[in-house]
């Protein structure tokens, strides 16, 4: 794992980097929310609510504290012991190992600190790059919701992945 990568709470100094990936069509084409419409003011509001009982959004940063992306546990459900995983990075982090290192750090939070039983995610079925990454990180394919989302006027399939506590504990690092 890339030891220079760490997670920290989001801060207002991350806004320029957030705006960079949100306004990059190559990055945001896979999102179901309109990232192009994000403003600095809305980013400030997002950051203000980014760390709660039910949501933890972290900045992925390198050894110089440069913001590389955002990684999250959302919809944290203590009763059912699960949470939704999400990640997005700036293009400068692509291929660097930062996303994988950050994912391992986040899963450590999920399973060791929060004591969750499962972390799940959903991804557009045709986002092959992301799906390869999730599988490399230890997530397993669980199924597809066909024609589940209508994005930009087109029906899209939604694939589901998860990693269980036992899978994480028994992984080969």
N, C-alpha and C. Protein backbone atom coordinates (compact mmCIF):
# COMPACT_ATOMS: atom_id res chain seq x y z
N UNK A 1 0.85 -1.18 0.00
CA UNK A 1 0.00 0.00 0.00
C UNK A 1 0.89 1.23 0.00
N UNK A 2 0.43 2.27 -0.65
CA UNK A 2 1.14 3.53 -0.76
C UNK A 2 1.09 4.26 0.58
N UNK A 3 2.20 4.24 1.34
CA UNK A 3 2.19 4.79 2.70
C UNK A 3 2.12 6.31 2.73
N UNK A 4 2.35 6.98 1.62
CA UNK A 4 2.27 8.43 1.62
C UNK A 4 0.84 8.93 1.57
N UNK A 5 -0.09 8.08 1.24
CA UNK A 5 -1.49 8.49 1.13
C UNK A 5 -2.14 8.40 2.51
N UNK A 6 -2.92 9.41 2.83
CA UNK A 6 -3.68 9.37 4.08
C UNK A 6 -5.05 10.01 3.84
N UNK A 7 -5.92 9.83 4.82
CA UNK A 7 -7.25 10.42 4.80
C UNK A 7 -7.31 11.47 5.90
N UNK A 8 -8.02 12.55 5.63
CA UNK A 8 -8.29 13.56 6.65
C UNK A 8 -9.67 14.15 6.34
N UNK A 9 -10.21 14.86 7.31
CA UNK A 9 -11.49 15.52 7.08
C UNK A 9 -11.34 16.54 5.96
N UNK A 10 -12.39 16.70 5.18
CA UNK A 10 -12.39 17.71 4.13
C UNK A 10 -12.31 19.10 4.75
N UNK A 11 -11.70 20.03 4.03
CA UNK A 11 -11.64 21.42 4.48
C UNK A 11 -11.82 22.34 3.28
N UNK A 12 -12.04 23.60 3.56
CA UNK A 12 -12.28 24.57 2.48
C UNK A 12 -11.09 24.69 1.54
N UNK A 13 -9.89 24.36 1.99
CA UNK A 13 -8.74 24.43 1.09
C UNK A 13 -8.81 23.37 -0.01
N UNK A 14 -9.71 22.39 0.13
CA UNK A 14 -9.88 21.34 -0.88
C UNK A 14 -10.80 21.76 -2.03
N UNK A 15 -11.48 22.87 -1.89
CA UNK A 15 -12.48 23.26 -2.89
C UNK A 15 -11.91 23.38 -4.30
N UNK A 16 -10.76 24.00 -4.52
CA UNK A 16 -10.26 24.05 -5.91
C UNK A 16 -10.07 22.66 -6.54
N UNK A 17 -9.53 21.73 -5.79
CA UNK A 17 -9.37 20.36 -6.31
C UNK A 17 -10.71 19.68 -6.54
N UNK A 18 -11.67 19.93 -5.66
CA UNK A 18 -13.00 19.36 -5.84
C UNK A 18 -13.64 19.90 -7.11
N UNK A 19 -13.52 21.20 -7.32
CA UNK A 19 -14.09 21.82 -8.52
C UNK A 19 -13.44 21.25 -9.78
N UNK A 20 -12.14 20.95 -9.68
CA UNK A 20 -11.42 20.41 -10.84
C UNK A 20 -12.05 19.10 -11.32
N UNK A 21 -12.23 18.12 -10.40
CA UNK A 21 -12.79 16.84 -10.87
C UNK A 21 -14.27 16.93 -11.16
N UNK A 22 -14.99 17.75 -10.41
CA UNK A 22 -16.42 17.86 -10.65
C UNK A 22 -16.73 18.49 -12.00
N UNK A 23 -15.88 19.38 -12.45
CA UNK A 23 -16.12 20.07 -13.71
C UNK A 23 -15.38 19.45 -14.88
N UNK A 24 -14.79 18.30 -14.68
CA UNK A 24 -14.06 17.59 -15.73
C UNK A 24 -14.99 16.55 -16.35
N UNK A 25 -15.40 16.74 -17.61
CA UNK A 25 -16.35 15.81 -18.24
C UNK A 25 -15.85 14.36 -18.28
N UNK A 26 -14.56 14.15 -18.38
CA UNK A 26 -14.03 12.79 -18.40
C UNK A 26 -14.22 12.10 -17.05
N UNK A 27 -14.19 12.85 -15.99
CA UNK A 27 -14.39 12.31 -14.65
C UNK A 27 -15.88 12.20 -14.33
N UNK A 28 -16.64 13.25 -14.56
CA UNK A 28 -18.02 13.30 -14.07
C UNK A 28 -19.04 12.61 -14.96
N UNK A 29 -18.64 12.08 -16.09
CA UNK A 29 -19.60 11.40 -16.97
C UNK A 29 -20.20 10.16 -16.33
N UNK A 30 -19.57 9.66 -15.29
CA UNK A 30 -20.05 8.45 -14.62
C UNK A 30 -20.92 8.74 -13.41
N UNK A 31 -21.13 10.00 -13.09
CA UNK A 31 -21.90 10.36 -11.90
C UNK A 31 -23.38 10.42 -12.20
N UNK A 32 -24.18 10.11 -11.20
CA UNK A 32 -25.61 10.25 -11.36
C UNK A 32 -26.10 11.61 -10.88
N UNK A 33 -25.22 12.40 -10.27
CA UNK A 33 -25.58 13.76 -9.90
C UNK A 33 -24.91 14.73 -10.86
N UNK A 34 -25.43 15.92 -10.95
CA UNK A 34 -24.93 16.92 -11.89
C UNK A 34 -23.74 17.65 -11.27
N UNK A 35 -22.56 17.07 -11.41
CA UNK A 35 -21.36 17.65 -10.83
C UNK A 35 -20.99 18.97 -11.50
N UNK A 36 -21.34 19.13 -12.76
CA UNK A 36 -21.03 20.38 -13.48
C UNK A 36 -21.72 21.57 -12.81
N UNK A 37 -22.84 21.32 -12.14
CA UNK A 37 -23.58 22.41 -11.51
C UNK A 37 -23.03 22.79 -10.13
N UNK A 38 -22.02 22.07 -9.66
CA UNK A 38 -21.46 22.35 -8.35
C UNK A 38 -20.76 23.71 -8.36
N UNK A 39 -21.05 24.49 -7.35
CA UNK A 39 -20.41 25.79 -7.17
C UNK A 39 -19.52 25.74 -5.93
N UNK A 40 -18.67 26.73 -5.78
CA UNK A 40 -17.83 26.77 -4.58
C UNK A 40 -18.68 26.90 -3.32
N UNK A 41 -19.77 27.64 -3.40
CA UNK A 41 -20.65 27.79 -2.23
C UNK A 41 -21.28 26.44 -1.86
N UNK A 42 -21.75 25.70 -2.84
CA UNK A 42 -22.32 24.38 -2.57
C UNK A 42 -21.25 23.42 -2.04
N UNK A 43 -20.03 23.56 -2.52
CA UNK A 43 -18.93 22.73 -2.02
C UNK A 43 -18.67 23.05 -0.55
N UNK A 44 -18.73 24.32 -0.18
CA UNK A 44 -18.56 24.70 1.23
C UNK A 44 -19.65 24.04 2.09
N UNK A 45 -20.88 24.06 1.60
CA UNK A 45 -21.99 23.44 2.34
C UNK A 45 -21.77 21.93 2.46
N UNK A 46 -21.30 21.31 1.38
CA UNK A 46 -21.01 19.88 1.40
C UNK A 46 -19.94 19.58 2.45
N UNK A 47 -18.89 20.37 2.47
CA UNK A 47 -17.80 20.17 3.43
C UNK A 47 -18.31 20.34 4.86
N UNK A 48 -19.15 21.33 5.08
CA UNK A 48 -19.69 21.60 6.42
C UNK A 48 -20.45 20.40 6.97
N UNK A 49 -21.12 19.65 6.11
CA UNK A 49 -21.88 18.48 6.54
C UNK A 49 -21.21 17.16 6.21
N UNK A 50 -19.91 17.18 5.99
CA UNK A 50 -19.23 16.00 5.46
C UNK A 50 -18.84 14.96 6.49
N UNK A 51 -19.01 15.26 7.77
CA UNK A 51 -18.59 14.30 8.78
C UNK A 51 -19.66 14.28 9.87
N UNK A 52 -20.55 13.30 9.78
CA UNK A 52 -21.65 13.16 10.72
C UNK A 52 -21.73 11.72 11.20
N UNK A 53 -22.74 11.42 11.99
CA UNK A 53 -22.95 10.05 12.46
C UNK A 53 -23.21 9.10 11.28
N UNK A 54 -23.90 9.58 10.25
CA UNK A 54 -24.32 8.72 9.13
C UNK A 54 -23.48 8.88 7.88
N UNK A 55 -22.55 9.82 7.87
CA UNK A 55 -21.76 10.08 6.67
C UNK A 55 -20.36 10.49 7.05
N UNK A 56 -19.40 9.95 6.33
CA UNK A 56 -18.01 10.36 6.51
C UNK A 56 -17.39 10.54 5.13
N UNK A 57 -17.18 11.79 4.76
CA UNK A 57 -16.47 12.11 3.53
C UNK A 57 -15.07 12.56 3.93
N UNK A 58 -14.07 11.96 3.33
CA UNK A 58 -12.69 12.29 3.63
C UNK A 58 -11.98 12.83 2.39
N UNK A 59 -10.99 13.66 2.63
CA UNK A 59 -10.06 14.06 1.57
C UNK A 59 -8.99 12.99 1.48
N UNK A 60 -8.65 12.60 0.27
CA UNK A 60 -7.50 11.75 0.01
C UNK A 60 -6.35 12.72 -0.25
N UNK A 61 -5.28 12.59 0.53
CA UNK A 61 -4.16 13.52 0.38
C UNK A 61 -2.83 12.77 0.33
N UNK A 62 -1.85 13.43 -0.28
CA UNK A 62 -0.51 12.85 -0.34
C UNK A 62 0.34 13.39 0.80
N UNK A 63 1.63 13.08 0.78
CA UNK A 63 2.52 13.47 1.89
C UNK A 63 2.63 14.98 2.07
N UNK A 64 2.35 15.75 1.02
CA UNK A 64 2.39 17.21 1.15
C UNK A 64 1.00 17.80 1.42
N UNK A 65 0.04 16.94 1.73
CA UNK A 65 -1.33 17.33 2.03
C UNK A 65 -2.06 17.88 0.80
N UNK A 66 -1.59 17.51 -0.40
CA UNK A 66 -2.31 17.90 -1.61
C UNK A 66 -3.56 17.06 -1.75
N UNK A 67 -4.69 17.72 -1.96
CA UNK A 67 -5.97 17.05 -2.15
C UNK A 67 -5.95 16.30 -3.48
N UNK A 68 -6.24 14.99 -3.43
CA UNK A 68 -6.27 14.15 -4.62
C UNK A 68 -7.67 13.68 -4.98
N UNK A 69 -8.59 13.72 -4.01
CA UNK A 69 -9.94 13.27 -4.27
C UNK A 69 -10.72 13.14 -2.98
N UNK A 70 -11.93 12.64 -3.12
CA UNK A 70 -12.83 12.43 -1.98
C UNK A 70 -13.23 10.96 -1.94
N UNK A 71 -13.22 10.41 -0.73
CA UNK A 71 -13.65 9.03 -0.51
C UNK A 71 -14.63 9.04 0.65
N UNK A 72 -15.65 8.20 0.56
CA UNK A 72 -16.76 8.33 1.51
C UNK A 72 -17.34 7.02 1.95
N UNK A 73 -17.86 7.06 3.18
CA UNK A 73 -18.82 6.09 3.68
C UNK A 73 -20.10 6.88 3.89
N UNK A 74 -21.14 6.51 3.18
CA UNK A 74 -22.42 7.22 3.25
C UNK A 74 -23.49 6.25 3.73
N UNK A 75 -24.60 6.82 4.16
CA UNK A 75 -25.73 6.01 4.60
C UNK A 75 -25.29 4.96 5.63
N UNK A 76 -24.42 5.38 6.56
CA UNK A 76 -23.94 4.46 7.59
C UNK A 76 -25.12 4.01 8.44
N UNK A 77 -25.35 2.73 8.46
CA UNK A 77 -26.50 2.14 9.15
C UNK A 77 -25.97 1.25 10.27
N UNK A 78 -25.98 1.78 11.49
CA UNK A 78 -25.45 1.03 12.63
C UNK A 78 -26.28 -0.21 12.92
N UNK A 79 -27.59 -0.11 12.81
CA UNK A 79 -28.47 -1.25 13.13
C UNK A 79 -28.20 -2.43 12.20
N UNK A 80 -28.05 -2.16 10.91
CA UNK A 80 -27.81 -3.22 9.94
C UNK A 80 -26.34 -3.38 9.57
N UNK A 81 -25.50 -2.57 10.17
CA UNK A 81 -24.05 -2.70 10.09
C UNK A 81 -23.50 -2.65 8.66
N UNK A 82 -23.94 -1.62 7.91
CA UNK A 82 -23.40 -1.45 6.57
C UNK A 82 -23.33 0.02 6.19
N UNK A 83 -22.60 0.29 5.10
CA UNK A 83 -22.47 1.65 4.59
C UNK A 83 -22.18 1.59 3.09
N UNK A 84 -22.52 2.68 2.43
CA UNK A 84 -22.27 2.85 1.00
C UNK A 84 -20.91 3.51 0.81
N UNK A 85 -20.09 2.93 -0.06
CA UNK A 85 -18.76 3.45 -0.40
C UNK A 85 -18.85 4.30 -1.65
N UNK A 86 -18.08 5.37 -1.69
CA UNK A 86 -17.98 6.19 -2.90
C UNK A 86 -16.58 6.80 -2.96
N UNK A 87 -16.10 7.02 -4.17
CA UNK A 87 -14.79 7.63 -4.36
C UNK A 87 -14.78 8.40 -5.68
N UNK A 88 -14.06 9.50 -5.69
CA UNK A 88 -13.76 10.21 -6.92
C UNK A 88 -12.43 10.91 -6.74
N UNK A 89 -11.60 10.84 -7.77
CA UNK A 89 -10.28 11.44 -7.67
C UNK A 89 -10.02 12.38 -8.84
N UNK A 90 -9.11 13.29 -8.61
CA UNK A 90 -8.63 14.15 -9.68
C UNK A 90 -7.82 13.30 -10.65
N UNK A 91 -7.77 13.71 -11.90
CA UNK A 91 -7.04 12.92 -12.89
C UNK A 91 -5.56 12.80 -12.56
N UNK A 92 -4.99 13.78 -11.85
CA UNK A 92 -3.56 13.70 -11.49
C UNK A 92 -3.27 12.50 -10.59
N UNK A 93 -4.30 11.94 -9.96
CA UNK A 93 -4.12 10.78 -9.08
C UNK A 93 -4.34 9.45 -9.80
N UNK A 94 -4.89 9.50 -11.01
CA UNK A 94 -5.18 8.26 -11.74
C UNK A 94 -3.89 7.49 -11.99
N UNK A 95 -3.93 6.19 -11.74
CA UNK A 95 -2.78 5.33 -12.00
C UNK A 95 -1.68 5.42 -10.97
N UNK A 96 -1.86 6.20 -9.93
CA UNK A 96 -0.81 6.40 -8.93
C UNK A 96 -0.87 5.42 -7.76
N UNK A 97 -1.97 4.72 -7.63
CA UNK A 97 -2.18 3.85 -6.47
C UNK A 97 -2.86 4.56 -5.32
N UNK A 98 -3.09 5.86 -5.46
CA UNK A 98 -3.70 6.63 -4.37
C UNK A 98 -5.10 6.15 -4.05
N UNK A 99 -5.89 5.85 -5.06
CA UNK A 99 -7.27 5.42 -4.82
C UNK A 99 -7.31 4.08 -4.09
N UNK A 100 -6.44 3.17 -4.47
CA UNK A 100 -6.41 1.86 -3.81
C UNK A 100 -5.93 2.01 -2.36
N UNK A 101 -4.91 2.81 -2.15
CA UNK A 101 -4.42 3.04 -0.79
C UNK A 101 -5.50 3.69 0.07
N UNK A 102 -6.19 4.67 -0.48
CA UNK A 102 -7.26 5.35 0.26
C UNK A 102 -8.40 4.40 0.55
N UNK A 103 -8.72 3.54 -0.39
CA UNK A 103 -9.80 2.56 -0.19
C UNK A 103 -9.45 1.62 0.96
N UNK A 104 -8.21 1.17 1.01
CA UNK A 104 -7.81 0.28 2.11
C UNK A 104 -7.89 1.00 3.45
N UNK A 105 -7.50 2.27 3.48
CA UNK A 105 -7.61 3.06 4.71
C UNK A 105 -9.07 3.23 5.12
N UNK A 106 -9.94 3.48 4.15
CA UNK A 106 -11.36 3.66 4.46
C UNK A 106 -11.99 2.36 4.94
N UNK A 107 -11.60 1.25 4.33
CA UNK A 107 -12.15 -0.05 4.76
C UNK A 107 -11.67 -0.37 6.17
N UNK A 108 -10.49 0.06 6.52
CA UNK A 108 -10.01 -0.13 7.90
C UNK A 108 -10.90 0.64 8.87
N UNK A 109 -11.28 1.86 8.52
CA UNK A 109 -12.22 2.64 9.33
C UNK A 109 -13.55 1.90 9.43
N UNK A 110 -14.04 1.43 8.29
CA UNK A 110 -15.35 0.78 8.25
C UNK A 110 -15.40 -0.47 9.12
N UNK A 111 -14.39 -1.32 9.00
CA UNK A 111 -14.44 -2.61 9.68
C UNK A 111 -13.83 -2.59 11.08
N UNK A 112 -12.82 -1.79 11.31
CA UNK A 112 -12.17 -1.77 12.63
C UNK A 112 -12.77 -0.74 13.57
N UNK A 113 -12.96 0.47 13.07
CA UNK A 113 -13.48 1.53 13.93
C UNK A 113 -15.00 1.49 14.05
N UNK A 114 -15.68 1.42 12.91
CA UNK A 114 -17.15 1.44 12.93
C UNK A 114 -17.76 0.06 13.14
N UNK A 115 -16.95 -0.98 13.02
CA UNK A 115 -17.38 -2.37 13.24
C UNK A 115 -18.51 -2.78 12.29
N UNK A 116 -18.45 -2.30 11.05
CA UNK A 116 -19.47 -2.66 10.06
C UNK A 116 -19.28 -4.10 9.61
N UNK A 117 -20.36 -4.68 9.11
CA UNK A 117 -20.32 -6.03 8.58
C UNK A 117 -20.11 -6.03 7.06
N UNK A 118 -20.56 -4.94 6.41
CA UNK A 118 -20.44 -4.89 4.95
C UNK A 118 -20.35 -3.46 4.48
N UNK A 119 -19.61 -3.28 3.40
CA UNK A 119 -19.52 -2.01 2.69
C UNK A 119 -19.89 -2.32 1.25
N UNK A 120 -20.82 -1.56 0.72
CA UNK A 120 -21.31 -1.83 -0.64
C UNK A 120 -21.18 -0.59 -1.50
N UNK A 121 -21.30 -0.80 -2.79
CA UNK A 121 -21.26 0.30 -3.74
C UNK A 121 -22.12 -0.03 -4.94
N UNK A 122 -22.43 1.00 -5.68
CA UNK A 122 -23.11 0.81 -6.96
C UNK A 122 -22.37 1.61 -8.01
N UNK A 123 -22.41 1.12 -9.25
CA UNK A 123 -21.63 1.69 -10.34
C UNK A 123 -22.39 1.45 -11.64
N UNK A 124 -22.28 2.40 -12.56
CA UNK A 124 -22.88 2.17 -13.87
C UNK A 124 -22.24 0.94 -14.49
N UNK A 125 -23.07 0.07 -15.06
CA UNK A 125 -22.61 -1.23 -15.54
C UNK A 125 -21.55 -1.11 -16.63
N UNK A 126 -21.54 -0.03 -17.39
CA UNK A 126 -20.56 0.10 -18.47
C UNK A 126 -19.29 0.84 -18.04
N UNK A 127 -19.14 1.13 -16.75
CA UNK A 127 -17.94 1.79 -16.26
C UNK A 127 -16.90 0.72 -15.91
N UNK A 128 -16.29 0.17 -16.96
CA UNK A 128 -15.39 -0.96 -16.79
C UNK A 128 -14.13 -0.61 -15.99
N UNK A 129 -13.62 0.59 -16.16
CA UNK A 129 -12.42 1.00 -15.42
C UNK A 129 -12.70 0.96 -13.91
N UNK A 130 -13.82 1.52 -13.50
CA UNK A 130 -14.18 1.53 -12.08
C UNK A 130 -14.41 0.10 -11.57
N UNK A 131 -15.09 -0.71 -12.35
CA UNK A 131 -15.39 -2.07 -11.90
C UNK A 131 -14.11 -2.89 -11.71
N UNK A 132 -13.13 -2.72 -12.59
CA UNK A 132 -11.84 -3.41 -12.41
C UNK A 132 -11.17 -2.95 -11.11
N UNK A 133 -11.25 -1.63 -10.86
CA UNK A 133 -10.66 -1.09 -9.64
C UNK A 133 -11.35 -1.68 -8.40
N UNK A 134 -12.68 -1.69 -8.38
CA UNK A 134 -13.40 -2.20 -7.21
C UNK A 134 -13.05 -3.66 -6.95
N UNK A 135 -12.95 -4.45 -7.99
CA UNK A 135 -12.60 -5.86 -7.83
C UNK A 135 -11.17 -6.00 -7.29
N UNK A 136 -10.25 -5.16 -7.78
CA UNK A 136 -8.88 -5.17 -7.28
C UNK A 136 -8.84 -4.82 -5.79
N UNK A 137 -9.74 -3.93 -5.37
CA UNK A 137 -9.81 -3.51 -3.97
C UNK A 137 -10.48 -4.54 -3.07
N UNK A 138 -11.05 -5.60 -3.66
CA UNK A 138 -11.64 -6.67 -2.86
C UNK A 138 -13.16 -6.73 -2.88
N UNK A 139 -13.80 -5.83 -3.57
CA UNK A 139 -15.27 -5.87 -3.68
C UNK A 139 -15.68 -6.97 -4.64
N UNK A 140 -16.81 -7.60 -4.33
CA UNK A 140 -17.34 -8.66 -5.19
C UNK A 140 -18.64 -8.22 -5.84
N UNK A 141 -18.79 -8.60 -7.10
CA UNK A 141 -20.01 -8.31 -7.85
C UNK A 141 -21.18 -9.06 -7.22
N UNK A 142 -22.29 -8.37 -7.02
CA UNK A 142 -23.47 -9.00 -6.42
C UNK A 142 -24.67 -9.04 -7.34
N UNK A 143 -24.71 -8.19 -8.34
CA UNK A 143 -25.83 -8.24 -9.26
C UNK A 143 -26.06 -6.92 -9.97
N UNK A 144 -27.04 -6.96 -10.87
CA UNK A 144 -27.34 -5.81 -11.71
C UNK A 144 -28.82 -5.44 -11.60
N UNK A 145 -29.07 -4.16 -11.45
CA UNK A 145 -30.42 -3.62 -11.57
C UNK A 145 -30.51 -3.07 -12.99
N UNK A 146 -31.22 -3.80 -13.86
CA UNK A 146 -31.31 -3.41 -15.26
C UNK A 146 -32.22 -2.20 -15.43
N UNK A 147 -31.78 -1.29 -16.28
CA UNK A 147 -32.53 -0.06 -16.58
C UNK A 147 -33.01 0.61 -15.29
N UNK A 148 -32.11 0.75 -14.36
CA UNK A 148 -32.44 1.27 -13.03
C UNK A 148 -32.40 2.79 -12.95
N UNK A 149 -31.55 3.40 -13.74
CA UNK A 149 -31.39 4.85 -13.70
C UNK A 149 -31.60 5.46 -15.08
N UNK A 150 -32.23 6.60 -15.09
CA UNK A 150 -32.35 7.34 -16.34
C UNK A 150 -31.45 8.56 -16.21
N UNK A 151 -30.32 8.49 -16.90
CA UNK A 151 -29.32 9.56 -16.85
C UNK A 151 -29.21 10.22 -18.21
N UNK A 152 -29.33 11.52 -18.21
CA UNK A 152 -29.21 12.29 -19.45
C UNK A 152 -30.10 11.71 -20.54
N UNK A 153 -31.31 11.29 -20.13
CA UNK A 153 -32.31 10.80 -21.06
C UNK A 153 -32.15 9.36 -21.50
N UNK A 154 -31.23 8.63 -20.91
CA UNK A 154 -30.95 7.25 -21.33
C UNK A 154 -31.04 6.31 -20.13
N UNK A 155 -31.72 5.15 -20.32
CA UNK A 155 -31.79 4.15 -19.26
C UNK A 155 -30.45 3.47 -19.12
N UNK A 156 -30.01 3.31 -17.86
CA UNK A 156 -28.70 2.71 -17.60
C UNK A 156 -28.84 1.61 -16.56
N UNK A 157 -28.02 0.58 -16.72
CA UNK A 157 -27.94 -0.51 -15.75
C UNK A 157 -27.02 -0.12 -14.61
N UNK A 158 -27.32 -0.63 -13.42
CA UNK A 158 -26.63 -0.27 -12.19
C UNK A 158 -26.12 -1.55 -11.55
N UNK A 159 -24.81 -1.72 -11.48
CA UNK A 159 -24.22 -2.91 -10.87
C UNK A 159 -23.93 -2.66 -9.38
N UNK A 160 -24.04 -3.72 -8.61
CA UNK A 160 -23.83 -3.66 -7.16
C UNK A 160 -22.66 -4.54 -6.78
N UNK A 161 -21.82 -4.02 -5.90
CA UNK A 161 -20.66 -4.72 -5.38
C UNK A 161 -20.64 -4.57 -3.86
N UNK A 162 -19.96 -5.49 -3.18
CA UNK A 162 -19.81 -5.37 -1.72
C UNK A 162 -18.55 -6.09 -1.28
N UNK A 163 -18.09 -5.69 -0.11
CA UNK A 163 -17.03 -6.42 0.59
C UNK A 163 -17.53 -6.62 2.01
N UNK A 164 -17.40 -7.85 2.48
CA UNK A 164 -17.84 -8.19 3.83
C UNK A 164 -16.65 -8.15 4.78
N UNK A 165 -16.95 -7.99 6.05
CA UNK A 165 -15.91 -7.95 7.08
C UNK A 165 -14.98 -9.16 6.97
N UNK A 166 -15.53 -10.36 6.83
CA UNK A 166 -14.72 -11.57 6.74
C UNK A 166 -13.83 -11.56 5.51
N UNK A 167 -14.37 -11.09 4.39
CA UNK A 167 -13.56 -11.00 3.16
C UNK A 167 -12.39 -10.05 3.37
N UNK A 168 -12.67 -8.92 4.04
CA UNK A 168 -11.62 -7.94 4.29
C UNK A 168 -10.56 -8.52 5.23
N UNK A 169 -11.00 -9.19 6.28
CA UNK A 169 -10.07 -9.77 7.25
C UNK A 169 -9.20 -10.86 6.64
N UNK A 170 -9.73 -11.58 5.64
CA UNK A 170 -9.02 -12.70 5.04
C UNK A 170 -8.33 -12.35 3.72
N UNK A 171 -8.27 -11.07 3.37
CA UNK A 171 -7.67 -10.66 2.11
C UNK A 171 -6.17 -10.94 2.14
N UNK A 172 -5.61 -11.07 0.97
CA UNK A 172 -4.15 -11.25 0.84
C UNK A 172 -3.58 -9.90 0.44
N UNK A 173 -2.95 -9.22 1.37
CA UNK A 173 -2.40 -7.87 1.10
C UNK A 173 -1.28 -7.92 0.09
